Full PDB file with SEQRES, HELIX, SHEET, SSBOND, CRYST1, ORIGX, SCALE, CONECT and MASTER records, all heavy atoms in Angstrom:
SEQRES   1 A   34  VAL LYS LEU TYR GLY GLY SER PRO LEU PRO LYS ALA ILE          
SEQRES   2 A   34  ILE ASN ILE ASN ASP TYR SER LYS LYS ASP ILE ASN LEU          
SEQRES   3 A   34  TYR LEU ASP GLU PHE VAL ARG SER                              
HELIX    1 AA1 ILE A   16  ASP A   18  5                                   3    
HELIX    2 AA2 ILE A   24  PHE A   31  1                                   8    
CRYST1    1.000    1.000    1.000  90.00  90.00  90.00 P 1           1          
ORIGX1      1.000000  0.000000  0.000000        0.00000                         
ORIGX2      0.000000  1.000000  0.000000        0.00000                         
ORIGX3      0.000000  0.000000  1.000000        0.00000                         
SCALE1      1.000000  0.000000  0.000000        0.00000                         
SCALE2      0.000000  1.000000  0.000000        0.00000                         
SCALE3      0.000000  0.000000  1.000000        0.00000                         
ATOM      1  N   VAL A   1      65.628  14.654 -87.642  1.00  0.00           N  
ATOM      2  CA  VAL A   1      65.716  16.094 -87.387  1.00  0.00           C  
ATOM      3  C   VAL A   1      66.433  16.790 -88.542  1.00  0.00           C  
ATOM      4  O   VAL A   1      65.996  17.843 -89.035  1.00  0.00           O  
ATOM      5  CB  VAL A   1      66.441  16.359 -86.049  1.00  0.00           C  
ATOM      6  CG1 VAL A   1      66.690  17.853 -85.863  1.00  0.00           C  
ATOM      7  CG2 VAL A   1      65.625  15.809 -84.878  1.00  0.00           C  
ATOM      8  N   LYS A   2      67.522  16.202 -88.986  1.00  0.00           N  
ATOM      9  CA  LYS A   2      68.334  16.787 -90.043  1.00  0.00           C  
ATOM     10  C   LYS A   2      67.613  16.796 -91.388  1.00  0.00           C  
ATOM     11  O   LYS A   2      67.609  17.811 -92.105  1.00  0.00           O  
ATOM     12  CB  LYS A   2      69.656  16.028 -90.163  1.00  0.00           C  
ATOM     13  CG  LYS A   2      70.581  16.504 -91.279  1.00  0.00           C  
ATOM     14  CD  LYS A   2      71.842  15.659 -91.309  1.00  0.00           C  
ATOM     15  CE  LYS A   2      72.768  16.056 -92.448  1.00  0.00           C  
ATOM     16  NZ  LYS A   2      73.983  15.175 -92.495  1.00  0.00           N  
ATOM     17  N   LEU A   3      66.990  15.686 -91.729  1.00  0.00           N  
ATOM     18  CA  LEU A   3      66.415  15.529 -93.057  1.00  0.00           C  
ATOM     19  C   LEU A   3      64.989  16.042 -93.166  1.00  0.00           C  
ATOM     20  O   LEU A   3      64.581  16.544 -94.216  1.00  0.00           O  
ATOM     21  CB  LEU A   3      66.456  14.057 -93.471  1.00  0.00           C  
ATOM     22  CG  LEU A   3      67.845  13.421 -93.537  1.00  0.00           C  
ATOM     23  CD1 LEU A   3      67.718  11.928 -93.793  1.00  0.00           C  
ATOM     24  CD2 LEU A   3      68.688  14.063 -94.616  1.00  0.00           C  
ATOM     25  N   TYR A   4      64.219  15.872 -92.083  1.00  0.00           N  
ATOM     26  CA  TYR A   4      62.802  16.195 -92.146  1.00  0.00           C  
ATOM     27  C   TYR A   4      62.396  17.378 -91.277  1.00  0.00           C  
ATOM     28  O   TYR A   4      61.237  17.780 -91.262  1.00  0.00           O  
ATOM     29  CB  TYR A   4      61.968  14.972 -91.737  1.00  0.00           C  
ATOM     30  CG  TYR A   4      62.319  13.712 -92.488  1.00  0.00           C  
ATOM     31  CD1 TYR A   4      62.503  12.512 -91.812  1.00  0.00           C  
ATOM     32  CD2 TYR A   4      62.453  13.712 -93.866  1.00  0.00           C  
ATOM     33  CE1 TYR A   4      62.818  11.356 -92.480  1.00  0.00           C  
ATOM     34  CE2 TYR A   4      62.780  12.547 -94.554  1.00  0.00           C  
ATOM     35  CZ  TYR A   4      62.956  11.374 -93.854  1.00  0.00           C  
ATOM     36  OH  TYR A   4      63.273  10.216 -94.531  1.00  0.00           O  
ATOM     37  N   GLY A   5      63.346  17.916 -90.516  1.00  0.00           N  
ATOM     38  CA  GLY A   5      63.041  19.059 -89.676  1.00  0.00           C  
ATOM     39  C   GLY A   5      62.445  18.719 -88.331  1.00  0.00           C  
ATOM     40  O   GLY A   5      62.013  19.609 -87.592  1.00  0.00           O  
ATOM     41  N   GLY A   6      62.380  17.449 -87.978  1.00  0.00           N  
ATOM     42  CA  GLY A   6      61.833  17.051 -86.683  1.00  0.00           C  
ATOM     43  C   GLY A   6      61.681  15.561 -86.580  1.00  0.00           C  
ATOM     44  O   GLY A   6      61.915  14.818 -87.540  1.00  0.00           O  
ATOM     45  N   SER A   7      61.314  15.076 -85.386  1.00  0.00           N  
ATOM     46  CA  SER A   7      61.122  13.659 -85.119  1.00  0.00           C  
ATOM     47  C   SER A   7      59.850  13.478 -84.307  1.00  0.00           C  
ATOM     48  O   SER A   7      59.473  14.365 -83.535  1.00  0.00           O  
ATOM     49  CB  SER A   7      62.324  13.101 -84.342  1.00  0.00           C  
ATOM     50  OG  SER A   7      62.068  11.780 -83.876  1.00  0.00           O  
ATOM     51  N   PRO A   8      59.174  12.326 -84.454  1.00  0.00           N  
ATOM     52  CA  PRO A   8      57.994  12.072 -83.618  1.00  0.00           C  
ATOM     53  C   PRO A   8      58.342  11.815 -82.160  1.00  0.00           C  
ATOM     54  O   PRO A   8      57.447  11.804 -81.311  1.00  0.00           O  
ATOM     55  CB  PRO A   8      57.371  10.821 -84.257  1.00  0.00           C  
ATOM     56  CG  PRO A   8      58.486  10.155 -84.989  1.00  0.00           C  
ATOM     57  CD  PRO A   8      59.386  11.259 -85.450  1.00  0.00           C  
ATOM     58  N   LEU A   9      59.626  11.602 -81.846  1.00  0.00           N  
ATOM     59  CA  LEU A   9      60.050  11.347 -80.481  1.00  0.00           C  
ATOM     60  C   LEU A   9      60.632  12.601 -79.837  1.00  0.00           C  
ATOM     61  O   LEU A   9      61.229  13.437 -80.516  1.00  0.00           O  
ATOM     62  CB  LEU A   9      61.099  10.236 -80.447  1.00  0.00           C  
ATOM     63  CG  LEU A   9      60.664   8.852 -80.933  1.00  0.00           C  
ATOM     64  CD1 LEU A   9      61.798   7.864 -80.749  1.00  0.00           C  
ATOM     65  CD2 LEU A   9      59.416   8.379 -80.191  1.00  0.00           C  
ATOM     66  N   PRO A  10      60.504  12.717 -78.511  1.00  0.00           N  
ATOM     67  CA  PRO A  10      61.040  13.905 -77.821  1.00  0.00           C  
ATOM     68  C   PRO A  10      62.552  13.873 -77.642  1.00  0.00           C  
ATOM     69  O   PRO A  10      63.165  14.892 -77.375  1.00  0.00           O  
ATOM     70  CB  PRO A  10      60.328  13.853 -76.467  1.00  0.00           C  
ATOM     71  CG  PRO A  10      60.047  12.388 -76.250  1.00  0.00           C  
ATOM     72  CD  PRO A  10      59.747  11.836 -77.615  1.00  0.00           C  
ATOM     73  N   LYS A  11      63.159  12.680 -77.755  1.00  0.00           N  
ATOM     74  CA  LYS A  11      64.598  12.543 -77.586  1.00  0.00           C  
ATOM     75  C   LYS A  11      65.058  11.302 -78.334  1.00  0.00           C  
ATOM     76  O   LYS A  11      64.238  10.479 -78.774  1.00  0.00           O  
ATOM     77  CB  LYS A  11      64.975  12.452 -76.109  1.00  0.00           C  
ATOM     78  CG  LYS A  11      64.279  11.329 -75.354  1.00  0.00           C  
ATOM     79  CD  LYS A  11      64.646  11.348 -73.882  1.00  0.00           C  
ATOM     80  CE  LYS A  11      63.920  10.216 -73.131  1.00  0.00           C  
ATOM     81  NZ  LYS A  11      64.273  10.196 -71.691  1.00  0.00           N  
ATOM     82  N   ALA A  12      66.371  11.143 -78.435  1.00  0.00           N  
ATOM     83  CA  ALA A  12      66.915  10.047 -79.241  1.00  0.00           C  
ATOM     84  C   ALA A  12      66.628   8.684 -78.615  1.00  0.00           C  
ATOM     85  O   ALA A  12      66.167   7.771 -79.296  1.00  0.00           O  
ATOM     86  CB  ALA A  12      68.417  10.233 -79.443  1.00  0.00           C  
ATOM     87  N   ILE A  13      66.907   8.530 -77.319  1.00  0.00           N  
ATOM     88  CA  ILE A  13      66.753   7.234 -76.661  1.00  0.00           C  
ATOM     89  C   ILE A  13      65.540   7.266 -75.738  1.00  0.00           C  
ATOM     90  O   ILE A  13      65.440   8.113 -74.854  1.00  0.00           O  
ATOM     91  CB  ILE A  13      68.016   6.864 -75.858  1.00  0.00           C  
ATOM     92  CG1 ILE A  13      69.240   6.790 -76.788  1.00  0.00           C  
ATOM     93  CG2 ILE A  13      67.824   5.533 -75.142  1.00  0.00           C  
ATOM     94  CD1 ILE A  13      70.551   6.592 -76.046  1.00  0.00           C  
ATOM     95  N   ILE A  14      64.618   6.350 -75.970  1.00  0.00           N  
ATOM     96  CA  ILE A  14      63.470   6.209 -75.083  1.00  0.00           C  
ATOM     97  C   ILE A  14      63.516   4.836 -74.429  1.00  0.00           C  
ATOM     98  O   ILE A  14      63.994   3.866 -75.015  1.00  0.00           O  
ATOM     99  CB  ILE A  14      62.129   6.400 -75.822  1.00  0.00           C  
ATOM    100  CG1 ILE A  14      61.991   5.407 -76.986  1.00  0.00           C  
ATOM    101  CG2 ILE A  14      62.004   7.826 -76.337  1.00  0.00           C  
ATOM    102  CD1 ILE A  14      60.619   5.438 -77.652  1.00  0.00           C  
ATOM    103  N   ASN A  15      63.036   4.750 -73.187  1.00  0.00           N  
ATOM    104  CA  ASN A  15      63.065   3.518 -72.412  1.00  0.00           C  
ATOM    105  C   ASN A  15      61.671   3.218 -71.897  1.00  0.00           C  
ATOM    106  O   ASN A  15      60.919   4.116 -71.517  1.00  0.00           O  
ATOM    107  CB  ASN A  15      64.049   3.640 -71.248  1.00  0.00           C  
ATOM    108  CG  ASN A  15      64.257   2.315 -70.522  1.00  0.00           C  
ATOM    109  OD1 ASN A  15      63.420   1.880 -69.735  1.00  0.00           O  
ATOM    110  ND2 ASN A  15      65.391   1.665 -70.795  1.00  0.00           N  
ATOM    111  N   ILE A  16      61.335   1.936 -71.878  1.00  0.00           N  
ATOM    112  CA  ILE A  16      59.992   1.527 -71.499  1.00  0.00           C  
ATOM    113  C   ILE A  16      59.599   2.013 -70.116  1.00  0.00           C  
ATOM    114  O   ILE A  16      58.447   2.389 -69.873  1.00  0.00           O  
ATOM    115  CB  ILE A  16      59.852  -0.006 -71.613  1.00  0.00           C  
ATOM    116  CG1 ILE A  16      58.393  -0.429 -71.504  1.00  0.00           C  
ATOM    117  CG2 ILE A  16      60.715  -0.725 -70.596  1.00  0.00           C  
ATOM    118  CD1 ILE A  16      58.162  -1.896 -71.832  1.00  0.00           C  
ATOM    119  N   ASN A  17      60.554   2.067 -69.179  1.00  0.00           N  
ATOM    120  CA  ASN A  17      60.222   2.503 -67.828  1.00  0.00           C  
ATOM    121  C   ASN A  17      59.974   4.001 -67.723  1.00  0.00           C  
ATOM    122  O   ASN A  17      59.479   4.481 -66.714  1.00  0.00           O  
ATOM    123  CB  ASN A  17      61.298   2.053 -66.842  1.00  0.00           C  
ATOM    124  CG  ASN A  17      61.088   0.621 -66.367  1.00  0.00           C  
ATOM    125  OD1 ASN A  17      59.960   0.183 -66.162  1.00  0.00           O  
ATOM    126  ND2 ASN A  17      62.186  -0.114 -66.202  1.00  0.00           N  
ATOM    127  N   ASP A  18      60.313   4.744 -68.776  1.00  0.00           N  
ATOM    128  CA  ASP A  18      59.941   6.159 -68.816  1.00  0.00           C  
ATOM    129  C   ASP A  18      58.426   6.330 -68.924  1.00  0.00           C  
ATOM    130  O   ASP A  18      57.875   7.385 -68.610  1.00  0.00           O  
ATOM    131  CB  ASP A  18      60.605   6.860 -70.006  1.00  0.00           C  
ATOM    132  CG  ASP A  18      62.117   6.911 -69.897  1.00  0.00           C  
ATOM    133  OD1 ASP A  18      62.639   6.750 -68.778  1.00  0.00           O  
ATOM    134  OD2 ASP A  18      62.780   7.117 -70.930  1.00  0.00           O  
ATOM    135  N   TYR A  19      57.750   5.289 -69.392  1.00  0.00           N  
ATOM    136  CA  TYR A  19      56.307   5.372 -69.651  1.00  0.00           C  
ATOM    137  C   TYR A  19      55.494   4.449 -68.743  1.00  0.00           C  
ATOM    138  O   TYR A  19      54.262   4.519 -68.746  1.00  0.00           O  
ATOM    139  CB  TYR A  19      56.014   4.990 -71.107  1.00  0.00           C  
ATOM    140  CG  TYR A  19      56.684   5.886 -72.114  1.00  0.00           C  
ATOM    141  CD1 TYR A  19      57.967   5.621 -72.577  1.00  0.00           C  
ATOM    142  CD2 TYR A  19      56.047   7.019 -72.609  1.00  0.00           C  
ATOM    143  CE1 TYR A  19      58.594   6.448 -73.498  1.00  0.00           C  
ATOM    144  CE2 TYR A  19      56.665   7.844 -73.536  1.00  0.00           C  
ATOM    145  CZ  TYR A  19      57.937   7.553 -73.966  1.00  0.00           C  
ATOM    146  OH  TYR A  19      58.556   8.379 -74.879  1.00  0.00           O  
ATOM    147  N   SER A  20      56.139   3.593 -67.979  1.00  0.00           N  
ATOM    148  CA  SER A  20      55.444   2.532 -67.272  1.00  0.00           C  
ATOM    149  C   SER A  20      55.027   2.933 -65.862  1.00  0.00           C  
ATOM    150  O   SER A  20      55.822   3.498 -65.101  1.00  0.00           O  
ATOM    151  CB  SER A  20      56.338   1.287 -67.219  1.00  0.00           C  
ATOM    152  OG  SER A  20      55.685   0.214 -66.589  1.00  0.00           O  
ATOM    153  N   LYS A  21      53.772   2.638 -65.500  1.00  0.00           N  
ATOM    154  CA  LYS A  21      53.269   2.871 -64.147  1.00  0.00           C  
ATOM    155  C   LYS A  21      53.937   1.934 -63.142  1.00  0.00           C  
ATOM    156  O   LYS A  21      54.056   2.248 -61.968  1.00  0.00           O  
ATOM    157  CB  LYS A  21      51.752   2.671 -64.103  1.00  0.00           C  
ATOM    158  CG  LYS A  21      50.948   3.729 -64.823  1.00  0.00           C  
ATOM    159  CD  LYS A  21      49.462   3.408 -64.795  1.00  0.00           C  
ATOM    160  CE  LYS A  21      48.890   3.482 -63.391  1.00  0.00           C  
ATOM    161  NZ  LYS A  21      47.397   3.246 -63.400  1.00  0.00           N  
ATOM    162  N   LYS A  22      54.358   0.760 -63.614  1.00  0.00           N  
ATOM    163  CA  LYS A  22      55.006  -0.230 -62.767  1.00  0.00           C  
ATOM    164  C   LYS A  22      56.333  -0.616 -63.403  1.00  0.00           C  
ATOM    165  O   LYS A  22      56.406  -0.895 -64.593  1.00  0.00           O  
ATOM    166  CB  LYS A  22      54.117  -1.468 -62.611  1.00  0.00           C  
ATOM    167  CG  LYS A  22      54.705  -2.573 -61.753  1.00  0.00           C  
ATOM    168  CD  LYS A  22      53.732  -3.741 -61.629  1.00  0.00           C  
ATOM    169  CE  LYS A  22      54.344  -4.892 -60.835  1.00  0.00           C  
ATOM    170  NZ  LYS A  22      53.381  -6.045 -60.725  1.00  0.00           N  
ATOM    171  N   ASP A  23      57.393  -0.621 -62.621  1.00  0.00           N  
ATOM    172  CA  ASP A  23      58.724  -0.962 -63.109  1.00  0.00           C  
ATOM    173  C   ASP A  23      58.694  -2.351 -63.761  1.00  0.00           C  
ATOM    174  O   ASP A  23      58.282  -3.337 -63.153  1.00  0.00           O  
ATOM    175  CB  ASP A  23      59.719  -0.960 -61.942  1.00  0.00           C  
ATOM    176  CG  ASP A  23      61.167  -1.068 -62.383  1.00  0.00           C  
ATOM    177  OD1 ASP A  23      61.428  -1.662 -63.448  1.00  0.00           O  
ATOM    178  OD2 ASP A  23      62.051  -0.580 -61.648  1.00  0.00           O  
ATOM    179  N   ILE A  24      59.129  -2.421 -65.020  1.00  0.00           N  
ATOM    180  CA  ILE A  24      59.114  -3.681 -65.745  1.00  0.00           C  
ATOM    181  C   ILE A  24      59.953  -4.740 -65.042  1.00  0.00           C  
ATOM    182  O   ILE A  24      59.633  -5.936 -65.081  1.00  0.00           O  
ATOM    183  CB  ILE A  24      59.598  -3.479 -67.193  1.00  0.00           C  
ATOM    184  CG1 ILE A  24      58.571  -2.662 -67.985  1.00  0.00           C  
ATOM    185  CG2 ILE A  24      59.850  -4.805 -67.893  1.00  0.00           C  
ATOM    186  CD1 ILE A  24      57.211  -3.341 -68.134  1.00  0.00           C  
ATOM    187  N   ASN A  25      61.018  -4.325 -64.362  1.00  0.00           N  
ATOM    188  CA  ASN A  25      61.860  -5.283 -63.657  1.00  0.00           C  
ATOM    189  C   ASN A  25      61.092  -6.055 -62.590  1.00  0.00           C  
ATOM    190  O   ASN A  25      61.455  -7.185 -62.248  1.00  0.00           O  
ATOM    191  CB  ASN A  25      63.071  -4.590 -63.033  1.00  0.00           C  
ATOM    192  CG  ASN A  25      64.134  -4.250 -64.066  1.00  0.00           C  
ATOM    193  OD1 ASN A  25      64.239  -4.879 -65.113  1.00  0.00           O  
ATOM    194  ND2 ASN A  25      64.943  -3.241 -63.783  1.00  0.00           N  
ATOM    195  N   LEU A  26      60.027  -5.468 -62.066  1.00  0.00           N  
ATOM    196  CA  LEU A  26      59.205  -6.178 -61.079  1.00  0.00           C  
ATOM    197  C   LEU A  26      58.486  -7.361 -61.716  1.00  0.00           C  
ATOM    198  O   LEU A  26      58.317  -8.402 -61.086  1.00  0.00           O  
ATOM    199  CB  LEU A  26      58.199  -5.220 -60.437  1.00  0.00           C  
ATOM    200  CG  LEU A  26      58.798  -4.077 -59.597  1.00  0.00           C  
ATOM    201  CD1 LEU A  26      57.699  -3.152 -59.084  1.00  0.00           C  
ATOM    202  CD2 LEU A  26      59.614  -4.637 -58.435  1.00  0.00           C  
ATOM    203  N   TYR A  27      58.053  -7.202 -62.974  1.00  0.00           N  
ATOM    204  CA  TYR A  27      57.459  -8.327 -63.694  1.00  0.00           C  
ATOM    205  C   TYR A  27      58.506  -9.411 -63.947  1.00  0.00           C  
ATOM    206  O   TYR A  27      58.222 -10.607 -63.850  1.00  0.00           O  
ATOM    207  CB  TYR A  27      56.867  -7.867 -65.025  1.00  0.00           C  
ATOM    208  CG  TYR A  27      55.658  -6.983 -64.903  1.00  0.00           C  
ATOM    209  CD1 TYR A  27      55.732  -5.644 -65.246  1.00  0.00           C  
ATOM    210  CD2 TYR A  27      54.444  -7.493 -64.458  1.00  0.00           C  
ATOM    211  CE1 TYR A  27      54.620  -4.818 -65.153  1.00  0.00           C  
ATOM    212  CE2 TYR A  27      53.320  -6.674 -64.356  1.00  0.00           C  
ATOM    213  CZ  TYR A  27      53.415  -5.337 -64.704  1.00  0.00           C  
ATOM    214  OH  TYR A  27      52.309  -4.516 -64.604  1.00  0.00           O  
ATOM    215  N   LEU A  28      59.715  -8.978 -64.295  1.00  0.00           N  
ATOM    216  CA  LEU A  28      60.778  -9.933 -64.540  1.00  0.00           C  
ATOM    217  C   LEU A  28      61.069 -10.754 -63.293  1.00  0.00           C  
ATOM    218  O   LEU A  28      61.205 -11.974 -63.352  1.00  0.00           O  
ATOM    219  CB  LEU A  28      62.048  -9.207 -64.996  1.00  0.00           C  
ATOM    220  CG  LEU A  28      61.930  -8.272 -66.204  1.00  0.00           C  
ATOM    221  CD1 LEU A  28      63.287  -7.678 -66.550  1.00  0.00           C  
ATOM    222  CD2 LEU A  28      61.360  -8.997 -67.399  1.00  0.00           C  
ATOM    223  N   ASP A  29      61.140 -10.099 -62.162  1.00  0.00           N  
ATOM    224  CA  ASP A  29      61.415 -10.794 -60.909  1.00  0.00           C  
ATOM    225  C   ASP A  29      60.264 -11.738 -60.535  1.00  0.00           C  
ATOM    226  O   ASP A  29      60.480 -12.815 -59.983  1.00  0.00           O  
ATOM    227  CB  ASP A  29      61.646  -9.795 -59.777  1.00  0.00           C  
ATOM    228  CG  ASP A  29      62.942  -9.004 -59.949  1.00  0.00           C  
ATOM    229  OD1 ASP A  29      63.823  -9.439 -60.730  1.00  0.00           O  
ATOM    230  OD2 ASP A  29      63.074  -7.935 -59.307  1.00  0.00           O  
ATOM    231  N   GLU A  30      59.038 -11.337 -60.868  1.00  0.00           N  
ATOM    232  CA  GLU A  30      57.861 -12.139 -60.518  1.00  0.00           C  
ATOM    233  C   GLU A  30      57.788 -13.429 -61.314  1.00  0.00           C  
ATOM    234  O   GLU A  30      57.430 -14.487 -60.788  1.00  0.00           O  
ATOM    235  CB  GLU A  30      56.588 -11.316 -60.746  1.00  0.00           C  
ATOM    236  CG  GLU A  30      55.296 -12.046 -60.390  1.00  0.00           C  
ATOM    237  CD  GLU A  30      54.067 -11.170 -60.614  1.00  0.00           C  
ATOM    238  OE1 GLU A  30      54.231  -9.966 -60.946  1.00  0.00           O  
ATOM    239  OE2 GLU A  30      52.932 -11.688 -60.451  1.00  0.00           O  
ATOM    240  N   PHE A  31      58.151 -13.384 -62.585  1.00  0.00           N  
ATOM    241  CA  PHE A  31      57.956 -14.528 -63.480  1.00  0.00           C  
ATOM    242  C   PHE A  31      59.257 -15.193 -63.917  1.00  0.00           C  
ATOM    243  O   PHE A  31      59.230 -16.069 -64.783  1.00  0.00           O  
ATOM    244  CB  PHE A  31      57.163 -14.089 -64.714  1.00  0.00           C  
ATOM    245  CG  PHE A  31      55.766 -13.622 -64.416  1.00  0.00           C  
ATOM    246  CD1 PHE A  31      55.375 -12.320 -64.713  1.00  0.00           C  
ATOM    247  CD2 PHE A  31      54.845 -14.470 -63.835  1.00  0.00           C  
ATOM    248  CE1 PHE A  31      54.086 -11.880 -64.442  1.00  0.00           C  
ATOM    249  CE2 PHE A  31      53.542 -14.040 -63.552  1.00  0.00           C  
ATOM    250  CZ  PHE A  31      53.170 -12.741 -63.851  1.00  0.00           C  
ATOM    251  N   VAL A  32      60.394 -14.811 -63.332  1.00  0.00           N  
ATOM    252  CA  VAL A  32      61.684 -15.296 -63.812  1.00  0.00           C  
ATOM    253  C   VAL A  32      61.834 -16.816 -63.642  1.00  0.00           C  
ATOM    254  O   VAL A  32      62.538 -17.474 -64.408  1.00  0.00           O  
ATOM    255  CB  VAL A  32      62.842 -14.549 -63.118  1.00  0.00           C  
ATOM    256  CG1 VAL A  32      62.962 -14.947 -61.639  1.00  0.00           C  
ATOM    257  CG2 VAL A  32      64.158 -14.792 -63.839  1.00  0.00           C  
ATOM    258  N   ARG A  33      61.188 -17.401 -62.663  1.00  0.00           N  
ATOM    259  CA  ARG A  33      61.299 -18.843 -62.444  1.00  0.00           C  
ATOM    260  C   ARG A  33      60.400 -19.655 -63.370  1.00  0.00           C  
ATOM    261  O   ARG A  33      60.692 -20.815 -63.662  1.00  0.00           O  
ATOM    262  CB  ARG A  33      60.979 -19.197 -60.984  1.00  0.00           C  
ATOM    263  CG  ARG A  33      61.961 -18.599 -59.980  1.00  0.00           C  
ATOM    264  CD  ARG A  33      61.582 -18.975 -58.549  1.00  0.00           C  
ATOM    265  NE  ARG A  33      62.450 -18.319 -57.591  1.00  0.00           N  
ATOM    266  CZ  ARG A  33      63.626 -18.781 -57.188  1.00  0.00           C  
ATOM    267  NH1 ARG A  33      64.060 -19.950 -57.653  1.00  0.00           N  
ATOM    268  NH2 ARG A  33      64.357 -18.101 -56.324  1.00  0.00           N  
ATOM    269  N   SER A  34      59.327 -19.051 -63.833  1.00  0.00           N  
ATOM    270  CA  SER A  34      58.347 -19.795 -64.632  1.00  0.00           C  
ATOM    271  C   SER A  34      58.431 -19.515 -66.128  1.00  0.00           C  
ATOM    272  O   SER A  34      57.846 -20.258 -66.921  1.00  0.00           O  
ATOM    273  CB  SER A  34      56.923 -19.495 -64.149  1.00  0.00           C  
ATOM    274  OG  SER A  34      56.634 -18.107 -64.228  1.00  0.00           O  
TER     275      SER A  34                                                      
MASTER        0    0    0    2    0    0    0    6  274    1    0    3          
END                                                                             
């Protein structure tokens, strides 16, 4: 923002679950044993 006048992202910190139809933690719980 400072050097180029903008960023390709809407905010500084982005998280995968902001974009995911299904909570990633559900995949973790499903496959954590295997």
